[in-house]
Every structure is written in C-alpha cells, then in structure tokens.
C-alpha cells in the first residue's frame, strides 16, 4: 500500500510555502500521523527565503517564524534538497533556535542574504 496521499501533500505544501496562515496549516497537518516513509515536499532555498521574507515584511511574527522553522525541520514528510542540504539544515537550525544565534531579526537578515 502506498503512503502517497494527495491531500497530505497539499497540507505539507500549505506549511512549507505558507499558503495559509501558520495556525491553519499546523491544524491541517495535525490530522496526519507525524511519521512518514514518504517525503511529500522537497524543501529548497526558495521556500526558506520566502519564510524569512514573510517575517522581514511583517507578515509573520518572530515566534511564528521560529515555530515554522521548528516544524519544517522536524517533519518526516519534508525532505531537504540534496544540492543545498547542509545550507538548508543550518538555516533551519538557526531560525528555530534564535536563543543560540542572536535576535531573530539578525538571523533572518543574514539568511535572507545567504539564500538569494
């Protein structure tokens, strides 16, 4: 039996691409098991740049950006693009742990420049 579920892929995309408000995306994803043997979405630089840009534009709050990065980082149904795996992993780690790296403003600005 295949683990591929089109509705789950849409729910994961809603989170990764911030297509819906973060609370709605998280609520939608909560209807699916945490574990997955299939990656429904491959995270790329553009996804991270969009998330950081949403924060810097005032659309997301700092706590929402941190929660978004934590959630994306921890999901089995999201894979990191092979070409940029290390860069993406480091960005997610820093964005999800601002207490280790400085203010979310500084971290976001640095990553916006690196991801362009």
PDB file of N, CA and C in Angstrom:
ATOM      1  N   UNK A   1       0.850  -1.179   0.000  1.00  0.00           N
ATOM      2  CA  UNK A   1       0.000   0.000   0.000  1.00  0.00           C
ATOM      3  C   UNK A   1       0.897   1.245   0.000  1.00  0.00           C
ATOM      4  N   UNK A   2       0.593   2.172  -0.819  1.00  0.00           N
ATOM      5  CA  UNK A   2       1.368   3.401  -0.939  1.00  0.00           C
ATOM      6  C   UNK A   2       0.994   4.388   0.160  1.00  0.00           C
ATOM      7  N   UNK A   3       2.002   5.122   0.616  1.00  0.00           N
ATOM      8  CA  UNK A   3       1.775   6.141   1.632  1.00  0.00           C
ATOM      9  C   UNK A   3       1.422   7.490   0.989  1.00  0.00           C
ATOM     10  N   UNK A   4       1.402   7.553  -0.338  1.00  0.00           N
ATOM     11  CA  UNK A   4       1.139   8.813  -1.014  1.00  0.00           C
ATOM     12  C   UNK A   4      -0.327   9.203  -0.899  1.00  0.00           C
ATOM     13  N   UNK A   5      -0.544  10.355  -0.322  1.00  0.00           N
ATOM     14  CA  UNK A   5      -1.894  10.880  -0.150  1.00  0.00           C
ATOM     15  C   UNK A   5      -1.898  12.316  -0.672  1.00  0.00           C
ATOM     16  N   UNK A   6      -2.621  12.569  -1.758  1.00  0.00           N
ATOM     17  CA  UNK A   6      -2.605  13.920  -2.341  1.00  0.00           C
ATOM     18  C   UNK A   6      -3.010  15.007  -1.345  1.00  0.00           C
ATOM     19  N   UNK A   7      -3.959  14.715  -0.463  1.00  0.00           N
ATOM     20  CA  UNK A   7      -4.401  15.729   0.498  1.00  0.00           C
ATOM     21  C   UNK A   7      -3.282  16.063   1.490  1.00  0.00           C
ATOM     22  N   UNK A   8      -2.502  15.051   1.854  1.00  0.00           N
ATOM     23  CA  UNK A   8      -1.390  15.303   2.774  1.00  0.00           C
ATOM     24  C   UNK A   8      -0.328  16.161   2.094  1.00  0.00           C
ATOM     25  N   UNK A   9      -0.067  15.894   0.815  1.00  0.00           N
ATOM     26  CA  UNK A   9       0.915  16.713   0.091  1.00  0.00           C
ATOM     27  C   UNK A   9       0.472  18.173   0.064  1.00  0.00           C
ATOM     28  N   UNK A  10      -0.792  18.411  -0.160  1.00  0.00           N
ATOM     29  CA  UNK A  10      -1.319  19.779  -0.148  1.00  0.00           C
ATOM     30  C   UNK A  10      -1.135  20.404   1.239  1.00  0.00           C
ATOM     31  N   UNK A  11      -1.402  19.631   2.284  1.00  0.00           N
ATOM     32  CA  UNK A  11      -1.243  20.140   3.644  1.00  0.00           C
ATOM     33  C   UNK A  11       0.214  20.493   3.936  1.00  0.00           C
ATOM     34  N   UNK A  12       1.135  19.644   3.478  1.00  0.00           N
ATOM     35  CA  UNK A  12       2.562  19.924   3.686  1.00  0.00           C
ATOM     36  C   UNK A  12       2.977  21.151   2.887  1.00  0.00           C
ATOM     37  N   UNK A  13       2.504  21.261   1.658  1.00  0.00           N
ATOM     38  CA  UNK A  13       2.807  22.449   0.851  1.00  0.00           C
ATOM     39  C   UNK A  13       2.250  23.719   1.483  1.00  0.00           C
ATOM     40  N   UNK A  14       1.067  23.618   2.078  1.00  0.00           N
ATOM     41  CA  UNK A  14       0.491  24.785   2.758  1.00  0.00           C
ATOM     42  C   UNK A  14       1.417  25.286   3.851  1.00  0.00           C
ATOM     43  N   UNK A  15       2.075  24.358   4.543  1.00  0.00           N
ATOM     44  CA  UNK A  15       3.041  24.740   5.575  1.00  0.00           C
ATOM     45  C   UNK A  15       4.308  25.297   4.944  1.00  0.00           C
ATOM     46  N   UNK A  16       4.937  24.520   4.085  1.00  0.00           N
ATOM     47  CA  UNK A  16       6.245  24.885   3.530  1.00  0.00           C
ATOM     48  C   UNK A  16       6.190  26.199   2.768  1.00  0.00           C
ATOM     49  N   UNK A  17       5.139  26.390   1.983  1.00  0.00           N
ATOM     50  CA  UNK A  17       5.028  27.596   1.167  1.00  0.00           C
ATOM     51  C   UNK A  17       4.228  28.699   1.838  1.00  0.00           C
ATOM     52  N   UNK A  18       3.796  28.458   3.067  1.00  0.00           N
ATOM     53  CA  UNK A  18       2.994  29.433   3.820  1.00  0.00           C
ATOM     54  C   UNK A  18       1.807  29.915   2.993  1.00  0.00           C
ATOM     55  N   UNK A  19       1.127  28.957   2.360  1.00  0.00           N
ATOM     56  CA  UNK A  19      -0.048  29.263   1.530  1.00  0.00           C
ATOM     57  C   UNK A  19      -1.234  29.683   2.387  1.00  0.00           C
ATOM     58  N   UNK A  20      -1.278  29.184   3.594  1.00  0.00           N
ATOM     59  CA  UNK A  20      -2.344  29.512   4.541  1.00  0.00           C
ATOM     60  C   UNK A  20      -1.686  30.046   5.803  1.00  0.00           C
ATOM     61  N   UNK A  21      -2.437  30.729   6.657  1.00  0.00           N
ATOM     62  CA  UNK A  21      -1.841  31.175   7.921  1.00  0.00           C
ATOM     63  C   UNK A  21      -1.261  29.984   8.683  1.00  0.00           C
ATOM     64  N   UNK A  22      -0.163  30.209   9.369  1.00  0.00           N
ATOM     65  CA  UNK A  22       0.546  29.134  10.051  1.00  0.00           C
ATOM     66  C   UNK A  22      -0.349  28.311  10.980  1.00  0.00           C
ATOM     67  N   UNK A  23      -1.181  28.922  11.824  1.00  0.00           N
ATOM     68  CA  UNK A  23      -2.038  28.093  12.695  1.00  0.00           C
ATOM     69  C   UNK A  23      -2.954  27.156  11.896  1.00  0.00           C
ATOM     70  N   UNK A  24      -3.478  27.621  10.782  1.00  0.00           N
ATOM     71  CA  UNK A  24      -4.351  26.780   9.953  1.00  0.00           C
ATOM     72  C   UNK A  24      -3.560  25.635   9.325  1.00  0.00           C
ATOM     73  N   UNK A  25      -2.350  25.920   8.869  1.00  0.00           N
ATOM     74  CA  UNK A  25      -1.510  24.881   8.270  1.00  0.00           C
ATOM     75  C   UNK A  25      -1.154  23.815   9.303  1.00  0.00           C
ATOM     76  N   UNK A  26      -0.834  24.252  10.522  1.00  0.00           N
ATOM     77  CA  UNK A  26      -0.489  23.296  11.576  1.00  0.00           C
ATOM     78  C   UNK A  26      -1.693  22.457  11.984  1.00  0.00           C
ATOM     79  N   UNK A  27      -2.852  23.075  12.042  1.00  0.00           N
ATOM     80  CA  UNK A  27      -4.070  22.344  12.387  1.00  0.00           C
ATOM     81  C   UNK A  27      -4.375  21.289  11.325  1.00  0.00           C
ATOM     82  N   UNK A  28      -4.218  21.663  10.070  1.00  0.00           N
ATOM     83  CA  UNK A  28      -4.462  20.730   8.967  1.00  0.00           C
ATOM     84  C   UNK A  28      -3.483  19.550   9.034  1.00  0.00           C
ATOM     85  N   UNK A  29      -2.212  19.824   9.305  1.00  0.00           N
ATOM     86  CA  UNK A  29      -1.210  18.761   9.378  1.00  0.00           C
ATOM     87  C   UNK A  29      -1.419  17.857  10.583  1.00  0.00           C
ATOM     88  N   UNK A  30      -2.026  18.361  11.626  1.00  0.00           N
ATOM     89  CA  UNK A  30      -2.261  17.566  12.831  1.00  0.00           C
ATOM     90  C   UNK A  30      -3.208  16.400  12.573  1.00  0.00           C
ATOM     91  N   UNK A  31      -3.911  16.418  11.460  1.00  0.00           N
ATOM     92  CA  UNK A  31      -4.825  15.319  11.138  1.00  0.00           C
ATOM     93  C   UNK A  31      -4.093  14.120  10.542  1.00  0.00           C
ATOM     94  N   UNK A  32      -2.793  14.285  10.273  1.00  0.00           N
ATOM     95  CA  UNK A  32      -1.984  13.209   9.697  1.00  0.00           C
ATOM     96  C   UNK A  32      -0.957  12.736  10.723  1.00  0.00           C
ATOM     97  N   UNK A  33      -0.555  11.461  10.639  1.00  0.00           N
ATOM     98  CA  UNK A  33       0.472  10.968  11.560  1.00  0.00           C
ATOM     99  C   UNK A  33       1.772  11.763  11.395  1.00  0.00           C
ATOM    100  N   UNK A  34       2.532  11.880  12.471  1.00  0.00           N
ATOM    101  CA  UNK A  34       3.802  12.615  12.441  1.00  0.00           C
ATOM    102  C   UNK A  34       4.810  11.899  11.539  1.00  0.00           C
ATOM    103  N   UNK A  35       4.896  10.581  11.698  1.00  0.00           N
ATOM    104  CA  UNK A  35       5.851   9.789  10.925  1.00  0.00           C
ATOM    105  C   UNK A  35       5.378   9.601   9.492  1.00  0.00           C
ATOM    106  N   UNK A  36       6.345   9.521   8.594  1.00  0.00           N
ATOM    107  CA  UNK A  36       6.036   9.279   7.192  1.00  0.00           C
ATOM    108  C   UNK A  36       7.229   8.579   6.551  1.00  0.00           C
ATOM    109  N   UNK A  37       6.951   7.599   5.719  1.00  0.00           N
ATOM    110  CA  UNK A  37       8.026   6.944   4.973  1.00  0.00           C
ATOM    111  C   UNK A  37       8.253   7.639   3.636  1.00  0.00           C
ATOM    112  N   UNK A  38       7.411   8.599   3.336  1.00  0.00           N
ATOM    113  CA  UNK A  38       7.472   9.330   2.075  1.00  0.00           C
ATOM    114  C   UNK A  38       7.668  10.817   2.356  1.00  0.00           C
ATOM    115  N   UNK A  39       8.553  11.445   1.592  1.00  0.00           N
ATOM    116  CA  UNK A  39       8.686  12.900   1.644  1.00  0.00           C
ATOM    117  C   UNK A  39       7.741  13.473   0.593  1.00  0.00           C
ATOM    118  N   UNK A  40       6.792  14.241   1.035  1.00  0.00           N
ATOM    119  CA  UNK A  40       5.789  14.803   0.129  1.00  0.00           C
ATOM    120  C   UNK A  40       6.275  16.076  -0.551  1.00  0.00           C
ATOM    121  N   UNK A  41       7.216  16.748   0.091  1.00  0.00           N
ATOM    122  CA  UNK A  41       7.729  18.016  -0.428  1.00  0.00           C
ATOM    123  C   UNK A  41       9.235  18.048  -0.217  1.00  0.00           C
ATOM    124  N   UNK A  42       9.938  18.598  -1.191  1.00  0.00           N
ATOM    125  CA  UNK A  42      11.371  18.822  -1.055  1.00  0.00           C
ATOM    126  C   UNK A  42      11.597  20.310  -0.799  1.00  0.00           C
ATOM    127  N   UNK A  43      12.094  20.608   0.380  1.00  0.00           N
ATOM    128  CA  UNK A  43      12.364  21.993   0.769  1.00  0.00           C
ATOM    129  C   UNK A  43      13.558  22.510  -0.027  1.00  0.00           C
ATOM    130  N   UNK A  44      13.441  23.727  -0.533  1.00  0.00           N
ATOM    131  CA  UNK A  44      14.543  24.331  -1.279  1.00  0.00           C
ATOM    132  C   UNK A  44      14.828  25.732  -0.754  1.00  0.00           C
ATOM    133  N   UNK A  45      15.844  26.356  -1.311  1.00  0.00           N
ATOM    134  CA  UNK A  45      16.243  27.706  -0.885  1.00  0.00           C
ATOM    135  C   UNK A  45      15.090  28.696  -0.998  1.00  0.00           C
ATOM    136  N   UNK A  46      14.310  28.570  -2.059  1.00  0.00           N
ATOM    137  CA  UNK A  46      13.196  29.494  -2.272  1.00  0.00           C
ATOM    138  C   UNK A  46      12.164  29.427  -1.159  1.00  0.00           C
ATOM    139  N   UNK A  47      11.905  28.210  -0.655  1.00  0.00           N
ATOM    140  CA  UNK A  47      10.956  28.075   0.454  1.00  0.00           C
ATOM    141  C   UNK A  47      11.465  28.819   1.694  1.00  0.00           C
ATOM    142  N   UNK A  48      12.738  28.610   2.014  1.00  0.00           N
ATOM    143  CA  UNK A  48      13.297  29.282   3.190  1.00  0.00           C
ATOM    144  C   UNK A  48      13.363  30.793   2.998  1.00  0.00           C
ATOM    145  N   UNK A  49      13.759  31.210   1.819  1.00  0.00           N
ATOM    146  CA  UNK A  49      13.813  32.642   1.533  1.00  0.00           C
ATOM    147  C   UNK A  49      12.427  33.268   1.677  1.00  0.00           C
ATOM    148  N   UNK A  50      11.400  32.567   1.215  1.00  0.00           N
ATOM    149  CA  UNK A  50      10.035  33.068   1.342  1.00  0.00           C
ATOM    150  C   UNK A  50       9.637  33.205   2.814  1.00  0.00           C
ATOM    151  N   UNK A  51       9.945  32.196   3.624  1.00  0.00           N
ATOM    152  CA  UNK A  51       9.615  32.261   5.044  1.00  0.00           C
ATOM    153  C   UNK A  51      10.299  33.428   5.734  1.00  0.00           C
ATOM    154  N   UNK A  52      11.590  33.590   5.485  1.00  0.00           N
ATOM    155  CA  UNK A  52      12.348  34.698   6.079  1.00  0.00           C
ATOM    156  C   UNK A  52      11.804  36.039   5.578  1.00  0.00           C
ATOM    157  N   UNK A  53      11.505  36.128   4.303  1.00  0.00           N
ATOM    158  CA  UNK A  53      10.979  37.373   3.729  1.00  0.00           C
ATOM    159  C   UNK A  53       9.620  37.718   4.310  1.00  0.00           C
ATOM    160  N   UNK A  54       8.799  36.702   4.576  1.00  0.00           N
ATOM    161  CA  UNK A  54       7.486  36.945   5.200  1.00  0.00           C
ATOM    162  C   UNK A  54       7.675  37.573   6.575  1.00  0.00           C
ATOM    163  N   UNK A  55       8.659  37.113   7.306  1.00  0.00           N
ATOM    164  CA  UNK A  55       8.944  37.701   8.619  1.00  0.00           C
ATOM    165  C   UNK A  55       9.459  39.137   8.470  1.00  0.00           C
ATOM    166  N   UNK A  56      10.440  39.313   7.615  1.00  0.00           N
ATOM    167  CA  UNK A  56      11.039  40.646   7.461  1.00  0.00           C
ATOM    168  C   UNK A  56      10.040  41.671   6.919  1.00  0.00           C
ATOM    169  N   UNK A  57       9.014  41.209   6.221  1.00  0.00           N
ATOM    170  CA  UNK A  57       7.961  42.100   5.713  1.00  0.00           C
ATOM    171  C   UNK A  57       6.864  42.328   6.749  1.00  0.00           C
ATOM    172  N   UNK A  58       6.964  41.684   7.906  1.00  0.00           N
ATOM    173  CA  UNK A  58       5.972  41.877   8.958  1.00  0.00           C
ATOM    174  C   UNK A  58       4.729  41.015   8.817  1.00  0.00           C
ATOM    175  N   UNK A  59       4.758  40.061   7.919  1.00  0.00           N
ATOM    176  CA  UNK A  59       3.601  39.183   7.716  1.00  0.00           C
ATOM    177  C   UNK A  59       3.581  38.074   8.762  1.00  0.00           C
ATOM    178  N   UNK A  60       4.761  37.551   9.096  1.00  0.00           N
ATOM    179  CA  UNK A  60       4.905  36.596  10.193  1.00  0.00           C
ATOM    180  C   UNK A  60       5.545  37.288  11.376  1.00  0.00           C
ATOM    181  N   UNK A  61       5.182  36.866  12.568  1.00  0.00           N
ATOM    182  CA  UNK A  61       5.873  37.355  13.764  1.00  0.00           C
ATOM    183  C   UNK A  61       7.148  36.546  13.952  1.00  0.00           C
ATOM    184  N   UNK A  62       8.014  37.014  14.831  1.00  0.00           N
ATOM    185  CA  UNK A  62       9.229  36.269  15.133  1.00  0.00           C
ATOM    186  C   UNK A  62       8.921  34.888  15.678  1.00  0.00           C
ATOM    187  N   UNK A  63       7.970  34.806  16.581  1.00  0.00           N
ATOM    188  CA  UNK A  63       7.622  33.500  17.152  1.00  0.00           C
ATOM    189  C   UNK A  63       7.009  32.580  16.100  1.00  0.00           C
ATOM    190  N   UNK A  64       6.270  33.134  15.149  1.00  0.00           N
ATOM    191  CA  UNK A  64       5.721  32.313  14.060  1.00  0.00           C
ATOM    192  C   UNK A  64       6.835  31.784  13.156  1.00  0.00           C
ATOM    193  N   UNK A  65       7.825  32.618  12.862  1.00  0.00           N
ATOM    194  CA  UNK A  65       8.945  32.163  12.032  1.00  0.00           C
ATOM    195  C   UNK A  65       9.700  31.040  12.731  1.00  0.00           C
ATOM    196  N   UNK A  66       9.941  31.195  14.028  1.00  0.00           N
ATOM    197  CA  UNK A  66      10.628  30.158  14.800  1.00  0.00           C
ATOM    198  C   UNK A  66       9.816  28.866  14.776  1.00  0.00           C
ATOM    199  N   UNK A  67       8.518  28.963  15.014  1.00  0.00           N
ATOM    200  CA  UNK A  67       7.648  27.786  15.002  1.00  0.00           C
ATOM    201  C   UNK A  67       7.626  27.147  13.618  1.00  0.00           C
ATOM    202  N   UNK A  68       7.552  27.953  12.585  1.00  0.00           N
ATOM    203  CA  UNK A  68       7.570  27.441  11.216  1.00  0.00           C
ATOM    204  C   UNK A  68       8.863  26.659  10.957  1.00  0.00           C
ATOM    205  N   UNK A  69       9.999  27.255  11.310  1.00  0.00           N
ATOM    206  CA  UNK A  69      11.287  26.586  11.093  1.00  0.00           C
ATOM    207  C   UNK A  69      11.386  25.298  11.909  1.00  0.00           C
ATOM    208  N   UNK A  70      10.946  25.332  13.161  1.00  0.00           N
ATOM    209  CA  UNK A  70      10.954  24.125  14.003  1.00  0.00           C
ATOM    210  C   UNK A  70      10.112  23.021  13.385  1.00  0.00           C
ATOM    211  N   UNK A  71       8.936  23.390  12.918  1.00  0.00           N
ATOM    212  CA  UNK A  71       8.014  22.410  12.357  1.00  0.00           C
ATOM    213  C   UNK A  71       8.561  21.817  11.068  1.00  0.00           C
ATOM    214  N   UNK A  72       9.040  22.663  10.178  1.00  0.00           N
ATOM    215  CA  UNK A  72       9.594  22.191   8.907  1.00  0.00           C
ATOM    216  C   UNK A  72      10.799  21.290   9.167  1.00  0.00           C
ATOM    217  N   UNK A  73      11.632  21.682  10.105  1.00  0.00           N
ATOM    218  CA  UNK A  73      12.849  20.927  10.423  1.00  0.00           C
ATOM    219  C   UNK A  73      12.537  19.529  10.950  1.00  0.00           C
ATOM    220  N   UNK A  74      11.460  19.391  11.691  1.00  0.00           N
ATOM    221  CA  UNK A  74      11.186  18.141  12.355  1.00  0.00           C
ATOM    222  C   UNK A  74      10.282  17.161  11.635  1.00  0.00           C
ATOM    223  N   UNK A  75       9.787  17.509  10.475  1.00  0.00           N
ATOM    224  CA  UNK A  75       8.808  16.646   9.800  1.00  0.00           C
ATOM    225  C   UNK A  75       9.473  15.612   8.899  1.00  0.00           C
ATOM    226  N   UNK A  76       9.015  14.370   9.013  1.00  0.00           N
ATOM    227  CA  UNK A  76       9.492  13.286   8.154  1.00  0.00           C
ATOM    228  C   UNK A  76       8.983  13.421   6.723  1.00  0.00           C
ATOM    229  N   UNK A  77       7.889  14.142   6.544  1.00  0.00           N
ATOM    230  CA  UNK A  77       7.302  14.247   5.204  1.00  0.00           C
ATOM    231  C   UNK A  77       7.842  15.428   4.409  1.00  0.00           C
ATOM    232  N   UNK A  78       8.914  16.044   4.917  1.00  0.00           N
ATOM    233  CA  UNK A  78       9.601  17.126   4.205  1.00  0.00           C
ATOM    234  C   UNK A  78      11.071  16.740   4.079  1.00  0.00           C
ATOM    235  N   UNK A  79      11.561  16.682   2.849  1.00  0.00           N
ATOM    236  CA  UNK A  79      12.971  16.382   2.587  1.00  0.00           C
ATOM    237  C   UNK A  79      13.703  17.676   2.252  1.00  0.00           C
ATOM    238  N   UNK A  80      14.991  17.682   2.499  1.00  0.00           N
ATOM    239  CA  UNK A  80      15.817  18.824   2.115  1.00  0.00           C
ATOM    240  C   UNK A  80      16.404  18.561   0.736  1.00  0.00           C
ATOM    241  N   UNK A  81      16.405  19.569  -0.100  1.00  0.00           N
ATOM    242  CA  UNK A  81      17.018  19.483  -1.418  1.00  0.00           C
ATOM    243  C   UNK A  81      18.459  19.010  -1.264  1.00  0.00           C
ATOM    244  N   UNK A  82      18.820  17.966  -2.006  1.00  0.00           N
ATOM    245  CA  UNK A  82      20.158  17.371  -1.885  1.00  0.00           C
ATOM    246  C   UNK A  82      21.275  18.375  -2.140  1.00  0.00           C
ATOM    247  N   UNK A  83      21.102  19.193  -3.145  1.00  0.00           N
ATOM    248  CA  UNK A  83      22.143  20.145  -3.545  1.00  0.00           C
ATOM    249  C   UNK A  83      22.461  21.155  -2.440  1.00  0.00           C
ATOM    250  N   UNK A  84      21.455  21.545  -1.682  1.00  0.00           N
ATOM    251  CA  UNK A  84      21.625  22.568  -0.641  1.00  0.00           C
ATOM    252  C   UNK A  84      21.366  22.022   0.766  1.00  0.00           C
ATOM    253  N   UNK A  85      21.480  20.717   0.938  1.00  0.00           N
ATOM    254  CA  UNK A  85      21.111  20.077   2.209  1.00  0.00           C
ATOM    255  C   UNK A  85      21.768  20.745   3.425  1.00  0.00           C
ATOM    256  N   UNK A  86      23.078  20.925   3.405  1.00  0.00           N
ATOM    257  CA  UNK A  86      23.779  21.486   4.567  1.00  0.00           C
ATOM    258  C   UNK A  86      23.348  22.921   4.841  1.00  0.00           C
ATOM    259  N   UNK A  87      23.230  23.706   3.796  1.00  0.00           N
ATOM    260  CA  UNK A  87      22.806  25.097   3.934  1.00  0.00           C
ATOM    261  C   UNK A  87      21.404  25.185   4.519  1.00  0.00           C
ATOM    262  N   UNK A  88      20.490  24.387   3.993  1.00  0.00           N
ATOM    263  CA  UNK A  88      19.107  24.396   4.469  1.00  0.00           C
ATOM    264  C   UNK A  88      19.014  23.920   5.913  1.00  0.00           C
ATOM    265  N   UNK A  89      19.758  22.873   6.238  1.00  0.00           N
ATOM    266  CA  UNK A  89      19.748  22.356   7.613  1.00  0.00           C
ATOM    267  C   UNK A  89      20.269  23.409   8.583  1.00  0.00           C
ATOM    268  N   UNK A  90      21.328  24.097   8.210  1.00  0.00           N
ATOM    269  CA  UNK A  90      21.882  25.131   9.095  1.00  0.00           C
ATOM    270  C   UNK A  90      20.911  26.299   9.250  1.00  0.00           C
ATOM    271  N   UNK A  91      20.294  26.711   8.166  1.00  0.00           N
ATOM    272  CA  UNK A  91      19.320  27.809   8.228  1.00  0.00           C
ATOM    273  C   UNK A  91      18.160  27.444   9.138  1.00  0.00           C
ATOM    274  N   UNK A  92      17.623  26.246   8.977  1.00  0.00           N
ATOM    275  CA  UNK A  92      16.505  25.811   9.826  1.00  0.00           C
ATOM    276  C   UNK A  92      16.918  25.745  11.286  1.00  0.00           C
ATOM    277  N   UNK A  93      18.121  25.255  11.537  1.00  0.00           N
ATOM    278  CA  UNK A  93      18.620  25.169  12.913  1.00  0.00           C
ATOM    279  C   UNK A  93      18.726  26.559  13.536  1.00  0.00           C
ATOM    280  N   UNK A  94      19.315  27.499  12.828  1.00  0.00           N
ATOM    281  CA  UNK A  94      19.477  28.852  13.358  1.00  0.00           C
ATOM    282  C   UNK A  94      18.137  29.558  13.525  1.00  0.00           C
ATOM    283  N   UNK A  95      17.253  29.407  12.540  1.00  0.00           N
ATOM    284  CA  UNK A  95      15.943  30.062  12.624  1.00  0.00           C
ATOM    285  C   UNK A  95      15.072  29.468  13.721  1.00  0.00           C
ATOM    286  N   UNK A  96      15.248  28.197  14.001  1.00  0.00           N
ATOM    287  CA  UNK A  96      14.434  27.556  15.033  1.00  0.00           C
ATOM    288  C   UNK A  96      15.042  27.694  16.421  1.00  0.00           C
ATOM    289  N   UNK A  97      16.259  28.211  16.515  1.00  0.00           N
ATOM    290  CA  UNK A  97      16.950  28.342  17.803  1.00  0.00           C
ATOM    291  C   UNK A  97      17.589  29.722  17.953  1.00  0.00           C
ATOM    292  N   UNK A  98      16.811  30.784  17.838  1.00  0.00           N
ATOM    293  CA  UNK A  98      17.426  32.114  17.885  1.00  0.00           C
ATOM    294  C   UNK A  98      18.141  32.391  19.211  1.00  0.00           C
ATOM    295  N   UNK A  99      17.743  31.707  20.278  1.00  0.00           N
ATOM    296  CA  UNK A  99      18.397  31.929  21.565  1.00  0.00           C
ATOM    297  C   UNK A  99      19.878  31.534  21.519  1.00  0.00           C
ATOM    298  N   UNK A 100      20.276  30.746  20.538  1.00  0.00           N
ATOM    299  CA  UNK A 100      21.669  30.328  20.388  1.00  0.00           C
ATOM    300  C   UNK A 100      22.465  31.218  19.433  1.00  0.00           C
ATOM    301  N   UNK A 101      21.766  31.971  18.580  1.00  0.00           N
ATOM    302  CA  UNK A 101      22.453  32.661  17.486  1.00  0.00           C
ATOM    303  C   UNK A 101      22.242  34.173  17.439  1.00  0.00           C
ATOM    304  N   UNK A 102      21.427  34.725  18.290  1.00  0.00           N
ATOM    305  CA  UNK A 102      21.171  36.158  18.269  1.00  0.00           C
ATOM    306  C   UNK A 102      19.705  36.437  18.037  1.00  0.00           C
ATOM    307  N   UNK A 103      19.400  37.661  17.736  1.00  0.00           N
ATOM    308  CA  UNK A 103      17.992  38.027  17.537  1.00  0.00           C
ATOM    309  C   UNK A 103      17.462  37.439  16.234  1.00  0.00           C
ATOM    310  N   UNK A 104      16.181  37.198  16.223  1.00  0.00           N
ATOM    311  CA  UNK A 104      15.563  36.661  15.007  1.00  0.00           C
ATOM    312  C   UNK A 104      15.688  37.661  13.856  1.00  0.00           C
ATOM    313  N   UNK A 105      15.723  38.963  14.180  1.00  0.00           N
ATOM    314  CA  UNK A 105      15.944  39.991  13.151  1.00  0.00           C
ATOM    315  C   UNK A 105      17.301  39.800  12.472  1.00  0.00           C
ATOM    316  N   UNK A 106      18.338  39.644  13.285  1.00  0.00           N
ATOM    317  CA  UNK A 106      19.689  39.473  12.736  1.00  0.00           C
ATOM    318  C   UNK A 106      19.796  38.175  11.943  1.00  0.00           C
ATOM    319  N   UNK A 107      19.301  37.100  12.520  1.00  0.00           N
ATOM    320  CA  UNK A 107      19.380  35.793  11.862  1.00  0.00           C
ATOM    321  C   UNK A 107      18.643  35.833  10.524  1.00  0.00           C
ATOM    322  N   UNK A 108      17.467  36.416  10.523  1.00  0.00           N
ATOM    323  CA  UNK A 108      16.668  36.486   9.298  1.00  0.00           C
ATOM    324  C   UNK A 108      17.358  37.308   8.219  1.00  0.00           C
ATOM    325  N   UNK A 109      17.920  38.419   8.603  1.00  0.00           N
ATOM    326  CA  UNK A 109      18.626  39.272   7.637  1.00  0.00           C
ATOM    327  C   UNK A 109      19.820  38.550   7.030  1.00  0.00           C
ATOM    328  N   UNK A 110      20.580  37.858   7.870  1.00  0.00           N
ATOM    329  CA  UNK A 110      21.741  37.113   7.381  1.00  0.00           C
ATOM    330  C   UNK A 110      21.298  36.024   6.407  1.00  0.00           C
ATOM    331  N   UNK A 111      20.253  35.278   6.784  1.00  0.00           N
ATOM    332  CA  UNK A 111      19.809  34.186   5.915  1.00  0.00           C
ATOM    333  C   UNK A 111      19.133  34.689   4.649  1.00  0.00           C
ATOM    334  N   UNK A 112      18.492  35.822   4.723  1.00  0.00           N
ATOM    335  CA  UNK A 112      17.902  36.376   3.501  1.00  0.00           C
ATOM    336  C   UNK A 112      19.013  36.633   2.478  1.00  0.00           C
ATOM    337  N   UNK A 113      20.123  37.196   2.940  1.00  0.00           N
ATOM    338  CA  UNK A 113      21.252  37.475   2.040  1.00  0.00           C
ATOM    339  C   UNK A 113      21.886  36.175   1.530  1.00  0.00           C
ATOM    340  N   UNK A 114      22.052  35.185   2.400  1.00  0.00           N
ATOM    341  CA  UNK A 114      22.697  33.926   2.004  1.00  0.00           C
ATOM    342  C   UNK A 114      21.857  33.111   1.028  1.00  0.00           C
ATOM    343  N   UNK A 115      20.548  33.209   1.156  1.00  0.00           N
ATOM    344  CA  UNK A 115      19.660  32.379   0.358  1.00  0.00           C
ATOM    345  C   UNK A 115      19.361  32.954  -1.020  1.00  0.00           C
ATOM    346  N   UNK A 116      19.683  34.206  -1.218  1.00  0.00           N
ATOM    347  CA  UNK A 116      19.411  34.838  -2.521  1.00  0.00           C
ATOM    348  C   UNK A 116      20.356  34.357  -3.570  1.00  0.00           C
TER     349      UNK A 116
END
